[in-house]
Amino acid sequence: MAKKKVTDDDIKLLKIRVQEGKAIVGTERVLKGIKSGSLKKVFLASNCPAKVREDLIHYAKLSSIPVVELSYNNEEVGVFCKKNFLVSVLGLIEE
């Protein structure tokens, strides 16, 4: 799927899923989830590295998983997810 801009609904969904523990963090884990088809949506921080961004968008397009570009940088996403490290990539697990 093509990249799309963030909406308030996406932010609310992301916040709920992170609190429920239904979100995975990290490039390798998200790529694995995309390839296995277990993810519903992928979120990228605004300053996600270009190579990582290209790879994730490519594999997500092949799997028809929407990719959402957040307006937050990786530090803000890490705080949003209550992690004490930088987070560039998030994936939401299907139910």
C-alpha atoms as a PDB file:
ATOM      1  CA  MET A   1       0.000   0.000   0.000  1.00  0.00           C
ATOM      2  CA  ALA A   2       1.068   3.559  -0.489  1.00  0.00           C
ATOM      3  CA  LYS A   3       2.210   5.743   2.339  1.00  0.00           C
ATOM      4  CA  LYS A   4      -0.473   7.828   3.960  1.00  0.00           C
ATOM      5  CA  LYS A   5      -0.565  10.672   6.392  1.00  0.00           C
ATOM      6  CA  VAL A   6      -1.488  10.241  10.025  1.00  0.00           C
ATOM      7  CA  THR A   7      -5.040  10.847  11.198  1.00  0.00           C
ATOM      8  CA  ASP A   8      -6.356  11.231  14.727  1.00  0.00           C
ATOM      9  CA  ASP A   9      -7.944   7.784  14.438  1.00  0.00           C
ATOM     10  CA  ASP A  10      -4.527   6.252  13.682  1.00  0.00           C
ATOM     11  CA  ILE A  11      -2.995   7.895  16.749  1.00  0.00           C
ATOM     12  CA  LYS A  12      -5.858   6.705  18.973  1.00  0.00           C
ATOM     13  CA  LEU A  13      -5.584   3.173  17.576  1.00  0.00           C
ATOM     14  CA  LEU A  14      -1.822   3.171  18.088  1.00  0.00           C
ATOM     15  CA  LYS A  15      -2.135   4.399  21.667  1.00  0.00           C
ATOM     16  CA  ILE A  16      -4.729   1.734  22.531  1.00  0.00           C
ATOM     17  CA  ARG A  17      -2.726  -1.075  20.924  1.00  0.00           C
ATOM     18  CA  VAL A  18       0.500  -0.076  22.676  1.00  0.00           C
ATOM     19  CA  GLN A  19      -1.303  -0.066  26.038  1.00  0.00           C
ATOM     20  CA  GLU A  20      -2.831  -3.505  25.290  1.00  0.00           C
ATOM     21  CA  GLY A  21       0.541  -4.893  24.240  1.00  0.00           C
ATOM     22  CA  LYS A  22      -0.683  -5.558  20.690  1.00  0.00           C
ATOM     23  CA  ALA A  23       2.147  -3.605  19.042  1.00  0.00           C
ATOM     24  CA  ILE A  24       5.628  -4.810  18.161  1.00  0.00           C
ATOM     25  CA  VAL A  25       8.683  -2.567  18.119  1.00  0.00           C
ATOM     26  CA  GLY A  26      11.792  -2.845  15.995  1.00  0.00           C
ATOM     27  CA  THR A  27      12.753  -3.173  12.372  1.00  0.00           C
ATOM     28  CA  GLU A  28      13.596  -6.877  12.389  1.00  0.00           C
ATOM     29  CA  ARG A  29      10.463  -7.922  14.274  1.00  0.00           C
ATOM     30  CA  VAL A  30       8.215  -5.766  12.078  1.00  0.00           C
ATOM     31  CA  LEU A  31       9.823  -7.103   8.874  1.00  0.00           C
ATOM     32  CA  LYS A  32       9.295 -10.639  10.119  1.00  0.00           C
ATOM     33  CA  GLY A  33       5.662  -9.799  10.942  1.00  0.00           C
ATOM     34  CA  ILE A  34       5.107  -8.298   7.492  1.00  0.00           C
ATOM     35  CA  LYS A  35       6.564 -11.356   5.771  1.00  0.00           C
ATOM     36  CA  SER A  36       4.446 -13.724   7.865  1.00  0.00           C
ATOM     37  CA  GLY A  37       1.306 -11.611   7.350  1.00  0.00           C
ATOM     38  CA  SER A  38       0.623 -11.198  11.064  1.00  0.00           C
ATOM     39  CA  LEU A  39       0.559  -7.376  11.030  1.00  0.00           C
ATOM     40  CA  LYS A  40      -2.388  -5.131  10.304  1.00  0.00           C
ATOM     41  CA  LYS A  41      -0.607  -1.775   9.981  1.00  0.00           C
ATOM     42  CA  VAL A  42       2.951  -0.389  10.131  1.00  0.00           C
ATOM     43  CA  PHE A  43       3.962   2.995  11.570  1.00  0.00           C
ATOM     44  CA  LEU A  44       7.239   4.773  10.756  1.00  0.00           C
ATOM     45  CA  ALA A  45       8.831   7.649  12.680  1.00  0.00           C
ATOM     46  CA  SER A  46       9.529  10.810  10.704  1.00  0.00           C
ATOM     47  CA  ASN A  47      13.305  10.299  10.924  1.00  0.00           C
ATOM     48  CA  CYS A  48      13.346   6.565  10.204  1.00  0.00           C
ATOM     49  CA  PRO A  49      16.500   5.676   8.200  1.00  0.00           C
ATOM     50  CA  ALA A  50      15.942   5.764   4.424  1.00  0.00           C
ATOM     51  CA  LYS A  51      17.044   2.158   3.774  1.00  0.00           C
ATOM     52  CA  VAL A  52      14.768   0.824   6.535  1.00  0.00           C
ATOM     53  CA  ARG A  53      11.880   2.928   5.221  1.00  0.00           C
ATOM     54  CA  GLU A  54      12.372   1.629   1.656  1.00  0.00           C
ATOM     55  CA  ASP A  55      12.554  -2.006   2.761  1.00  0.00           C
ATOM     56  CA  LEU A  56       9.474  -1.786   4.967  1.00  0.00           C
ATOM     57  CA  ILE A  57       7.419   0.006   2.336  1.00  0.00           C
ATOM     58  CA  HIS A  58       8.452  -2.537  -0.303  1.00  0.00           C
ATOM     59  CA  TYR A  59       7.526  -5.598   1.763  1.00  0.00           C
ATOM     60  CA  ALA A  60       4.353  -3.963   3.091  1.00  0.00           C
ATOM     61  CA  LYS A  61       3.268  -3.203  -0.471  1.00  0.00           C
ATOM     62  CA  LEU A  62       3.782  -6.856  -1.427  1.00  0.00           C
ATOM     63  CA  SER A  63       1.665  -7.943   1.568  1.00  0.00           C
ATOM     64  CA  SER A  64      -0.982  -5.191   1.142  1.00  0.00           C
ATOM     65  CA  ILE A  65      -0.272  -3.780   4.611  1.00  0.00           C
ATOM     66  CA  PRO A  66      -0.766  -0.014   4.990  1.00  0.00           C
ATOM     67  CA  VAL A  67       2.261   2.045   6.047  1.00  0.00           C
ATOM     68  CA  VAL A  68       1.613   5.211   8.052  1.00  0.00           C
ATOM     69  CA  GLU A  69       4.241   7.939   8.305  1.00  0.00           C
ATOM     70  CA  LEU A  70       4.074   9.550  11.731  1.00  0.00           C
ATOM     71  CA  SER A  71       4.858  13.217  12.180  1.00  0.00           C
ATOM     72  CA  TYR A  72       6.826  12.331  15.337  1.00  0.00           C
ATOM     73  CA  ASN A  73      10.546  11.563  15.401  1.00  0.00           C
ATOM     74  CA  ASN A  74      11.915   8.320  16.863  1.00  0.00           C
ATOM     75  CA  GLU A  75      12.554   9.879  20.278  1.00  0.00           C
ATOM     76  CA  GLU A  76       8.941  11.063  20.583  1.00  0.00           C
ATOM     77  CA  VAL A  77       7.630   7.679  19.417  1.00  0.00           C
ATOM     78  CA  GLY A  78       9.773   5.970  22.076  1.00  0.00           C
ATOM     79  CA  VAL A  79       8.269   8.214  24.767  1.00  0.00           C
ATOM     80  CA  PHE A  80       4.770   7.657  23.321  1.00  0.00           C
ATOM     81  CA  CYS A  81       5.303   3.878  23.638  1.00  0.00           C
ATOM     82  CA  LYS A  82       6.737   4.270  27.147  1.00  0.00           C
ATOM     83  CA  LYS A  83      10.095   2.800  26.102  1.00  0.00           C
ATOM     84  CA  ASN A  84      13.411   4.152  27.305  1.00  0.00           C
ATOM     85  CA  PHE A  85      14.951   3.880  23.837  1.00  0.00           C
ATOM     86  CA  LEU A  86      14.350   5.317  20.363  1.00  0.00           C
ATOM     87  CA  VAL A  87      11.590   3.678  18.294  1.00  0.00           C
ATOM     88  CA  SER A  88      11.575   4.142  14.517  1.00  0.00           C
ATOM     89  CA  VAL A  89       9.240   1.309  13.501  1.00  0.00           C
ATOM     90  CA  LEU A  90       6.007  -0.037  15.040  1.00  0.00           C
ATOM     91  CA  GLY A  91       3.695  -2.761  13.816  1.00  0.00           C
ATOM     92  CA  LEU A  92       0.158  -3.506  14.958  1.00  0.00           C
ATOM     93  CA  ILE A  93      -0.668  -7.182  15.432  1.00  0.00           C
ATOM     94  CA  GLU A  94      -3.852  -8.535  13.877  1.00  0.00           C
ATOM     95  CA  GLU A  95      -6.548  -9.860  16.163  1.00  0.00           C
END
